[in-house]
Structure formats: C-alpha cells, structure tokens
C-alpha atoms as a PDB file:
ATOM      1  CA  MET A   1      14.292  14.971  -6.127  1.00  0.00           C
ATOM      2  CA  LEU A   2      14.035  14.937  -2.340  1.00  0.00           C
ATOM      3  CA  ILE A   3      13.534  11.618  -0.515  1.00  0.00           C
ATOM      4  CA  VAL A   4      11.215  12.068   2.467  1.00  0.00           C
ATOM      5  CA  PRO A   5      11.063   9.224   5.016  1.00  0.00           C
ATOM      6  CA  SER A   6       7.613   8.592   6.456  1.00  0.00           C
ATOM      7  CA  ILE A   7       6.663   7.393   9.946  1.00  0.00           C
ATOM      8  CA  ASP A   8       3.118   6.153  10.577  1.00  0.00           C
ATOM      9  CA  LEU A   9       1.884   7.164  14.030  1.00  0.00           C
ATOM     10  CA  GLU A  10      -0.581   4.924  15.851  1.00  0.00           C
ATOM     11  CA  GLY A  11      -1.177   4.986  19.576  1.00  0.00           C
ATOM     12  CA  GLY A  12       1.834   7.232  20.070  1.00  0.00           C
ATOM     13  CA  ARG A  13       4.185   4.730  18.438  1.00  0.00           C
ATOM     14  CA  SER A  14       5.381   3.900  14.953  1.00  0.00           C
ATOM     15  CA  ARG A  15       3.005   1.475  13.235  1.00  0.00           C
ATOM     16  CA  LEU A  16       6.073  -0.237  11.735  1.00  0.00           C
ATOM     17  CA  VAL A  17       9.173  -1.253  13.662  1.00  0.00           C
ATOM     18  CA  PHE A  18      12.368   0.291  12.335  1.00  0.00           C
ATOM     19  CA  TRP A  19      15.583  -1.738  12.438  1.00  0.00           C
ATOM     20  CA  PRO A  20      18.148  -0.294  10.036  1.00  0.00           C
ATOM     21  CA  GLY A  21      20.676  -3.000  10.903  1.00  0.00           C
ATOM     22  CA  ALA A  22      18.332  -5.959  10.460  1.00  0.00           C
ATOM     23  CA  ALA A  23      20.353  -7.468   7.608  1.00  0.00           C
ATOM     24  CA  THR A  24      23.536  -7.568   9.678  1.00  0.00           C
ATOM     25  CA  GLY A  25      22.064  -7.919  13.165  1.00  0.00           C
ATOM     26  CA  ILE A  26      23.536  -4.597  14.233  1.00  0.00           C
ATOM     27  CA  GLY A  27      21.630  -2.290  16.547  1.00  0.00           C
ATOM     28  CA  ALA A  28      18.133  -2.869  17.852  1.00  0.00           C
ATOM     29  CA  PRO A  29      14.589  -2.428  16.501  1.00  0.00           C
ATOM     30  CA  THR A  30      12.443   0.412  17.785  1.00  0.00           C
ATOM     31  CA  ASP A  31       8.884   1.674  17.417  1.00  0.00           C
ATOM     32  CA  GLN A  32       9.568   5.025  19.088  1.00  0.00           C
ATOM     33  CA  PRO A  33       8.868   7.765  16.474  1.00  0.00           C
ATOM     34  CA  ALA A  34      11.378  10.218  17.923  1.00  0.00           C
ATOM     35  CA  ARG A  35      14.206   7.654  17.922  1.00  0.00           C
ATOM     36  CA  ILE A  36      13.343   6.583  14.381  1.00  0.00           C
ATOM     37  CA  ALA A  37      13.307  10.196  13.219  1.00  0.00           C
ATOM     38  CA  ARG A  38      16.690  10.779  14.866  1.00  0.00           C
ATOM     39  CA  MET A  39      18.217   7.797  13.039  1.00  0.00           C
ATOM     40  CA  LEU A  40      16.722   8.897   9.710  1.00  0.00           C
ATOM     41  CA  VAL A  41      18.040  12.422  10.136  1.00  0.00           C
ATOM     42  CA  ASP A  42      21.455  11.014  11.011  1.00  0.00           C
ATOM     43  CA  GLN A  43      21.265   9.120   7.694  1.00  0.00           C
ATOM     44  CA  GLY A  44      20.629  12.345   5.800  1.00  0.00           C
ATOM     45  CA  ALA A  45      16.868  12.938   5.861  1.00  0.00           C
ATOM     46  CA  GLU A  46      16.076  16.611   5.269  1.00  0.00           C
ATOM     47  CA  LEU A  47      12.341  16.354   5.927  1.00  0.00           C
ATOM     48  CA  ILE A  48      10.284  13.828   7.921  1.00  0.00           C
ATOM     49  CA  HIS A  49       6.703  12.948   6.978  1.00  0.00           C
ATOM     50  CA  LEU A  50       4.465  11.902   9.893  1.00  0.00           C
ATOM     51  CA  VAL A  51       1.117  10.205   9.228  1.00  0.00           C
ATOM     52  CA  ASP A  52      -1.361  10.372  12.107  1.00  0.00           C
ATOM     53  CA  PHE A  53      -3.337   7.163  11.520  1.00  0.00           C
ATOM     54  CA  ASP A  54      -5.520   7.691  14.600  1.00  0.00           C
ATOM     55  CA  GLY A  55      -6.114  11.284  13.576  1.00  0.00           C
ATOM     56  CA  ALA A  56      -7.204  10.241  10.088  1.00  0.00           C
ATOM     57  CA  ARG A  57      -9.822   7.937  11.614  1.00  0.00           C
ATOM     58  CA  ALA A  58     -10.974  10.501  14.174  1.00  0.00           C
ATOM     59  CA  GLY A  59     -10.948  13.524  11.863  1.00  0.00           C
ATOM     60  CA  ALA A  60      -8.696  15.448  14.263  1.00  0.00           C
ATOM     61  CA  PRO A  61      -5.061  15.203  15.424  1.00  0.00           C
ATOM     62  CA  ALA A  62      -4.576  12.306  17.854  1.00  0.00           C
ATOM     63  CA  ASN A  63      -0.806  11.902  18.182  1.00  0.00           C
ATOM     64  CA  LEU A  64       0.291  15.370  19.180  1.00  0.00           C
ATOM     65  CA  ALA A  65       2.538  14.089  21.973  1.00  0.00           C
ATOM     66  CA  ALA A  66       4.413  11.893  19.507  1.00  0.00           C
ATOM     67  CA  VAL A  67       4.779  14.824  17.113  1.00  0.00           C
ATOM     68  CA  GLY A  68       6.117  16.938  19.948  1.00  0.00           C
ATOM     69  CA  ALA A  69       8.592  14.223  20.931  1.00  0.00           C
ATOM     70  CA  VAL A  70       9.924  14.076  17.379  1.00  0.00           C
ATOM     71  CA  ALA A  71      10.141  17.859  17.161  1.00  0.00           C
ATOM     72  CA  GLY A  72      12.011  17.931  20.458  1.00  0.00           C
ATOM     73  CA  LEU A  73      14.673  15.509  19.231  1.00  0.00           C
ATOM     74  CA  VAL A  74      15.320  16.671  15.656  1.00  0.00           C
ATOM     75  CA  ALA A  75      15.528  20.117  14.116  1.00  0.00           C
ATOM     76  CA  THR A  76      14.535  18.780  10.709  1.00  0.00           C
ATOM     77  CA  PRO A  77      11.224  20.107   9.297  1.00  0.00           C
ATOM     78  CA  LEU A  78       8.214  17.884   9.996  1.00  0.00           C
ATOM     79  CA  GLN A  79       5.315  17.385   7.599  1.00  0.00           C
ATOM     80  CA  ILE A  80       2.057  16.078   9.108  1.00  0.00           C
ATOM     81  CA  ALA A  81      -0.827  14.277   7.407  1.00  0.00           C
ATOM     82  CA  GLY A  82      -3.954  12.715   8.863  1.00  0.00           C
ATOM     83  CA  GLY A  83      -6.830  14.346  10.719  1.00  0.00           C
ATOM     84  CA  LEU A  84      -6.202  17.862   9.430  1.00  0.00           C
ATOM     85  CA  GLU A  85      -9.747  18.833   8.571  1.00  0.00           C
ATOM     86  CA  SER A  86      -9.881  22.327  10.084  1.00  0.00           C
ATOM     87  CA  THR A  87      -7.759  25.384  10.723  1.00  0.00           C
ATOM     88  CA  GLU A  88      -7.766  24.478  14.411  1.00  0.00           C
ATOM     89  CA  ALA A  89      -6.201  21.096  13.593  1.00  0.00           C
ATOM     90  CA  ILE A  90      -3.452  22.784  11.602  1.00  0.00           C
ATOM     91  CA  GLN A  91      -2.766  25.186  14.443  1.00  0.00           C
ATOM     92  CA  LEU A  92      -2.550  22.274  16.896  1.00  0.00           C
ATOM     93  CA  VAL A  93       0.050  20.335  14.895  1.00  0.00           C
ATOM     94  CA  PHE A  94       2.064  23.489  14.276  1.00  0.00           C
ATOM     95  CA  ALA A  95       2.021  24.192  18.013  1.00  0.00           C
ATOM     96  CA  ALA A  96       3.265  20.623  18.577  1.00  0.00           C
ATOM     97  CA  GLY A  97       6.255  21.248  16.318  1.00  0.00           C
ATOM     98  CA  ALA A  98       5.128  20.537  12.764  1.00  0.00           C
ATOM     99  CA  THR A  99       6.208  22.906  10.017  1.00  0.00           C
ATOM    100  CA  ARG A 100       4.122  21.559   7.115  1.00  0.00           C
ATOM    101  CA  ALA A 101       0.536  20.348   6.908  1.00  0.00           C
ATOM    102  CA  VAL A 102      -1.084  18.002   4.387  1.00  0.00           C
ATOM    103  CA  VAL A 103      -4.878  18.242   4.174  1.00  0.00           C
ATOM    104  CA  GLY A 104      -7.155  15.759   2.444  1.00  0.00           C
ATOM    105  CA  MET A 105      -9.199  15.684  -0.743  1.00  0.00           C
ATOM    106  CA  GLN A 106     -12.267  17.037   1.033  1.00  0.00           C
ATOM    107  CA  MET A 107     -10.630  20.475   0.947  1.00  0.00           C
ATOM    108  CA  ILE A 108     -10.837  20.468  -2.841  1.00  0.00           C
ATOM    109  CA  ASP A 109     -14.616  20.337  -2.548  1.00  0.00           C
ATOM    110  CA  ASN A 110     -14.814  23.086   0.072  1.00  0.00           C
ATOM    111  CA  PRO A 111     -13.187  26.292  -1.265  1.00  0.00           C
ATOM    112  CA  PRO A 112     -13.955  28.439   1.826  1.00  0.00           C
ATOM    113  CA  LEU A 113     -12.306  25.896   4.123  1.00  0.00           C
ATOM    114  CA  LEU A 114      -9.351  25.570   1.758  1.00  0.00           C
ATOM    115  CA  ARG A 115      -8.872  29.342   1.818  1.00  0.00           C
ATOM    116  CA  ALA A 116      -9.006  29.338   5.628  1.00  0.00           C
ATOM    117  CA  CYS A 117      -6.421  26.548   5.813  1.00  0.00           C
ATOM    118  CA  LEU A 118      -4.184  28.424   3.388  1.00  0.00           C
ATOM    119  CA  ALA A 119      -4.426  31.450   5.643  1.00  0.00           C
ATOM    120  CA  ALA A 120      -3.420  29.273   8.614  1.00  0.00           C
ATOM    121  CA  ALA A 121      -0.535  27.412   6.949  1.00  0.00           C
ATOM    122  CA  GLY A 122       0.517  29.656   4.077  1.00  0.00           C
ATOM    123  CA  ASP A 123       3.046  28.207   1.651  1.00  0.00           C
ATOM    124  CA  TRP A 124       3.484  25.172   3.901  1.00  0.00           C
ATOM    125  CA  LEU A 125       0.061  23.764   3.139  1.00  0.00           C
ATOM    126  CA  ALA A 126      -0.145  20.778   0.808  1.00  0.00           C
ATOM    127  CA  VAL A 127      -3.256  19.062  -0.502  1.00  0.00           C
ATOM    128  CA  GLY A 128      -3.281  15.262  -0.667  1.00  0.00           C
ATOM    129  CA  LEU A 129      -4.830  13.852  -3.820  1.00  0.00           C
ATOM    130  CA  ASP A 130      -5.277  10.316  -5.127  1.00  0.00           C
ATOM    131  CA  PRO A 131      -5.053  10.970  -8.878  1.00  0.00           C
ATOM    132  CA  ARG A 132      -6.346   7.587 -10.048  1.00  0.00           C
ATOM    133  CA  PRO A 133      -9.493   8.115 -12.147  1.00  0.00           C
ATOM    134  CA  ASP A 134     -11.444   5.420 -10.296  1.00  0.00           C
ATOM    135  CA  ARG A 135     -10.640   6.991  -6.923  1.00  0.00           C
ATOM    136  CA  LEU A 136     -11.617  10.441  -8.138  1.00  0.00           C
ATOM    137  CA  ALA A 137     -14.878   9.064  -9.517  1.00  0.00           C
ATOM    138  CA  ALA A 138     -15.652   7.261  -6.253  1.00  0.00           C
ATOM    139  CA  PHE A 139     -14.972  10.261  -3.991  1.00  0.00           C
ATOM    140  CA  PRO A 140     -18.254  11.747  -2.671  1.00  0.00           C
ATOM    141  CA  TRP A 141     -17.933  15.103  -4.411  1.00  0.00           C
ATOM    142  CA  ARG A 142     -20.483  17.793  -3.695  1.00  0.00           C
ATOM    143  CA  GLN A 143     -19.942  19.266  -7.142  1.00  0.00           C
ATOM    144  CA  ALA A 144     -22.022  18.038 -10.054  1.00  0.00           C
ATOM    145  CA  ALA A 145     -19.332  15.843 -11.623  1.00  0.00           C
ATOM    146  CA  PRO A 146     -15.806  14.804 -10.608  1.00  0.00           C
ATOM    147  CA  LYS A 147     -12.933  16.519 -12.334  1.00  0.00           C
ATOM    148  CA  LYS A 148      -9.785  15.001 -13.734  1.00  0.00           C
ATOM    149  CA  ALA A 149      -6.585  15.235 -11.718  1.00  0.00           C
ATOM    150  CA  GLU A 150      -5.081  17.848 -14.008  1.00  0.00           C
ATOM    151  CA  GLU A 151      -8.207  20.036 -13.681  1.00  0.00           C
ATOM    152  CA  ILE A 152      -8.116  19.717  -9.890  1.00  0.00           C
ATOM    153  CA  ILE A 153      -4.466  20.729  -9.778  1.00  0.00           C
ATOM    154  CA  ASP A 154      -5.229  23.704 -12.016  1.00  0.00           C
ATOM    155  CA  ASP A 155      -7.948  24.751  -9.557  1.00  0.00           C
ATOM    156  CA  LEU A 156      -5.607  24.328  -6.587  1.00  0.00           C
ATOM    157  CA  ALA A 157      -2.905  26.396  -8.258  1.00  0.00           C
ATOM    158  CA  ALA A 158      -5.445  29.122  -8.981  1.00  0.00           C
ATOM    159  CA  ALA A 159      -6.477  29.071  -5.314  1.00  0.00           C
ATOM    160  CA  GLY A 160      -2.866  29.617  -4.228  1.00  0.00           C
ATOM    161  CA  VAL A 161      -1.865  26.082  -3.263  1.00  0.00           C
ATOM    162  CA  MET A 162       1.860  25.588  -3.872  1.00  0.00           C
ATOM    163  CA  ARG A 163       2.186  21.907  -2.931  1.00  0.00           C
ATOM    164  CA  VAL A 164       0.306  18.717  -3.807  1.00  0.00           C
ATOM    165  CA  VAL A 165       0.945  15.214  -2.471  1.00  0.00           C
ATOM    166  CA  LEU A 166      -0.080  12.587  -5.004  1.00  0.00           C
ATOM    167  CA  SER A 167      -0.667   9.108  -3.643  1.00  0.00           C
ATOM    168  CA  HIS A 168       0.063   5.838  -5.399  1.00  0.00           C
ATOM    169  CA  GLY A 169       2.747   6.406  -7.993  1.00  0.00           C
ATOM    170  CA  GLY A 170       5.856   4.840  -9.409  1.00  0.00           C
ATOM    171  CA  GLY A 171       4.687   2.709 -12.308  1.00  0.00           C
ATOM    172  CA  PRO A 172       5.728   3.660 -15.860  1.00  0.00           C
ATOM    173  CA  GLY A 173       2.257   4.928 -16.777  1.00  0.00           C
ATOM    174  CA  GLU A 174       1.861   6.896 -13.574  1.00  0.00           C
ATOM    175  CA  ALA A 175       5.294   8.480 -13.928  1.00  0.00           C
ATOM    176  CA  GLY A 176       4.349   9.619 -17.422  1.00  0.00           C
ATOM    177  CA  ALA A 177       1.152  11.184 -16.098  1.00  0.00           C
ATOM    178  CA  PHE A 178       3.090  12.959 -13.362  1.00  0.00           C
ATOM    179  CA  ALA A 179       5.524  14.331 -15.934  1.00  0.00           C
ATOM    180  CA  GLN A 180       2.565  15.863 -17.777  1.00  0.00           C
ATOM    181  CA  LEU A 181       1.331  17.447 -14.527  1.00  0.00           C
ATOM    182  CA  VAL A 182       4.793  18.903 -13.881  1.00  0.00           C
ATOM    183  CA  ARG A 183       4.817  20.464 -17.346  1.00  0.00           C
ATOM    184  CA  ARG A 184       1.264  21.713 -16.873  1.00  0.00           C
ATOM    185  CA  GLN A 185       1.966  23.391 -13.513  1.00  0.00           C
ATOM    186  CA  PRO A 186       5.739  24.006 -13.377  1.00  0.00           C
ATOM    187  CA  THR A 187       5.542  26.150 -10.230  1.00  0.00           C
ATOM    188  CA  MET A 188       3.587  23.540  -8.264  1.00  0.00           C
ATOM    189  CA  GLU A 189       5.663  21.302  -5.992  1.00  0.00           C
ATOM    190  CA  LEU A 190       4.506  17.746  -6.733  1.00  0.00           C
ATOM    191  CA  THR A 191       5.277  15.076  -4.147  1.00  0.00           C
ATOM    192  CA  VAL A 192       4.470  11.388  -4.638  1.00  0.00           C
ATOM    193  CA  ALA A 193       3.617   9.150  -1.676  1.00  0.00           C
ATOM    194  CA  GLY A 194       3.317   5.387  -1.956  1.00  0.00           C
ATOM    195  CA  GLY A 195       3.581   2.896  -4.785  1.00  0.00           C
ATOM    196  CA  VAL A 196       7.383   2.872  -5.136  1.00  0.00           C
ATOM    197  CA  ARG A 197       9.001  -0.444  -4.241  1.00  0.00           C
ATOM    198  CA  ASP A 198      12.400  -0.308  -5.908  1.00  0.00           C
ATOM    199  CA  LEU A 199      15.095   1.990  -7.226  1.00  0.00           C
ATOM    200  CA  ASP A 200      13.647   1.912 -10.741  1.00  0.00           C
ATOM    201  CA  GLY A 201      10.506   3.559  -9.393  1.00  0.00           C
ATOM    202  CA  ILE A 202      12.629   6.304  -7.864  1.00  0.00           C
ATOM    203  CA  ARG A 203      14.420   6.838 -11.175  1.00  0.00           C
ATOM    204  CA  ARG A 204      11.130   7.119 -13.066  1.00  0.00           C
ATOM    205  CA  LEU A 205       9.781   9.785 -10.740  1.00  0.00           C
ATOM    206  CA  ARG A 206      13.082  11.664 -10.718  1.00  0.00           C
ATOM    207  CA  ASP A 207      13.107  11.750 -14.498  1.00  0.00           C
ATOM    208  CA  ALA A 208       9.450  12.845 -14.521  1.00  0.00           C
ATOM    209  CA  GLY A 209      10.391  15.992 -12.623  1.00  0.00           C
ATOM    210  CA  VAL A 210       8.644  15.092  -9.348  1.00  0.00           C
ATOM    211  CA  ALA A 211       9.937  17.308  -6.542  1.00  0.00           C
ATOM    212  CA  ALA A 212       9.838  14.799  -3.683  1.00  0.00           C
ATOM    213  CA  LEU A 213       9.092  11.156  -2.933  1.00  0.00           C
ATOM    214  CA  ILE A 214       7.708   9.969   0.399  1.00  0.00           C
ATOM    215  CA  LEU A 215       9.013   6.516   1.354  1.00  0.00           C
ATOM    216  CA  GLY A 216       7.758   4.506   4.308  1.00  0.00           C
ATOM    217  CA  GLU A 217       7.457   0.738   4.268  1.00  0.00           C
ATOM    218  CA  PRO A 218      10.301   0.128   1.738  1.00  0.00           C
ATOM    219  CA  LEU A 219      12.699   1.885   4.127  1.00  0.00           C
ATOM    220  CA  PHE A 220      11.400   0.039   7.179  1.00  0.00           C
ATOM    221  CA  SER A 221      11.473  -3.357   5.482  1.00  0.00           C
ATOM    222  CA  GLY A 222      14.984  -2.820   4.151  1.00  0.00           C
ATOM    223  CA  ALA A 223      13.860  -3.134   0.520  1.00  0.00           C
ATOM    224  CA  ILE A 224      15.440   0.281  -0.095  1.00  0.00           C
ATOM    225  CA  SER A 225      18.004   2.041   2.065  1.00  0.00           C
ATOM    226  CA  LEU A 226      17.738   5.771   2.603  1.00  0.00           C
ATOM    227  CA  GLU A 227      21.311   6.213   1.408  1.00  0.00           C
ATOM    228  CA  GLU A 228      20.741   4.493  -1.942  1.00  0.00           C
ATOM    229  CA  ALA A 229      17.344   6.150  -2.377  1.00  0.00           C
ATOM    230  CA  ARG A 230      18.910   9.579  -1.915  1.00  0.00           C
ATOM    231  CA  SER A 231      21.761   8.695  -4.245  1.00  0.00           C
ATOM    232  CA  VAL A 232      19.375   7.673  -7.037  1.00  0.00           C
ATOM    233  CA  ALA A 233      17.004  10.590  -6.446  1.00  0.00           C
ATOM    234  CA  ASP A 234      19.838  13.122  -6.657  1.00  0.00           C
ATOM    235  CA  PRO A 235      23.063  11.732  -8.183  1.00  0.00           C
ATOM    236  CA  ARG A 236      24.890  14.901  -7.108  1.00  0.00           C
ATOM    237  CA  GLN A 237      24.808  13.754  -3.478  1.00  0.00           C
END
C-alpha cells in the first residue's frame, strides 16, 4: 500500500505548519507548500496529494501558483483535489504541474460531465466519494434515490473510472467494507483519505487490500512519521 502525504493549500500556503523535527527541536517549521513537499519527497514520498481548500469553496482552482511552485521543486507526481468541477479546471491544474486530478461526488450524478473529465484526464482521473451511508443519503442527488457505495463504484467502473478516493476510513468496520469493495472491483484503485490516526489503522487498510492511503494531519502533528507509515504499509521497504 502506498502512503501519500497530503498538503492542504489555503491562501497559497499550507493550512498546517510542518515541522518534522518538532520532537527534538531540530530544523524549523514551515508553511510553504513547496518546501514541505521537498522534505516529504526527501523522506521517501512517491506521490504528493494537494488539497485546494480555497478552490473547493470557490468551485474552481484557486491555488495554481502554489501548485506550480511545488511542481517546480519536486519531480514527484502531484495529485490535486478541490475545485475541480469542469474540464477547464482539470486542464488548469495540469498546466500548473499536476499529474492527477480528483473530482467530487457531483460527477457521479452528471454522467456527461464525468465522461468529459475522463477525456481530459484519462487514467489519471479519480472520483472522491464519502462512502458513509448517511453522507450518501444526505447528498443532493438528482437521481430518484441514492445508491449504495458499492453500486456507485460499479457504475464508475463501468464508465471507465480507474481510481476512487474514499474519505473517512480506518476503523475496523470501515476496513472490512473496503475489503469487500476491493474484492468486488479488483481492477479499481481504491485510495482512502482521512480517518487514520495510528499505525493500527494503516495495518487494517493494508490488509484490506487498499491501494493507497492519504495522510495529512497525523504526519504534520507528529502522531505518525512518514518513515514508519511507509514501513507498516509495505514491510518490504
């Protein structure tokens, strides 16, 4: 399982300050996304996840300069989420240096737009989905009745989507549900974002067959180090 560090972009900076040496007093804290990405790559990160908080609120990319700064400092692939609600938005973040795009749940309810975004991003498009039944029920679907997560993922696979980012995971029950989704759609790359606070959560998702885990706040707070997260996620490292 791949560990993917996440940086939240807000106002061109990281929403959380990163200080990898906080426990020992070594180094200095920074909120510069490009510097943070450089340190994470130096620690072994193979993919960086960038969340455009301002873009998510505005419905369009809002931190393109920050994305470009990160892309200019690291050669590692960059995955962008937040504000990608059109093909034009995807093209903008790709032009800024992103290599992967994560679109929101609204795409599930708009097949023509999903097809257009697939044409723009190809295999590097992922759809973000909160699989909790209450969240699915509360989403303002245009269709007659909300579907279950497994039905939605079946529909996405049929449409040609190769990647899904599932939010809020890590508990024993959630890991079991994800394992069922992996068995149901073995060719779909399932990534989990959020909900993991310790190494046991990483182990559960690894054993469930999840392809990747996005970690943000636990890395920034020092609750989990990238080195130990990668070691647990893939003992061969």
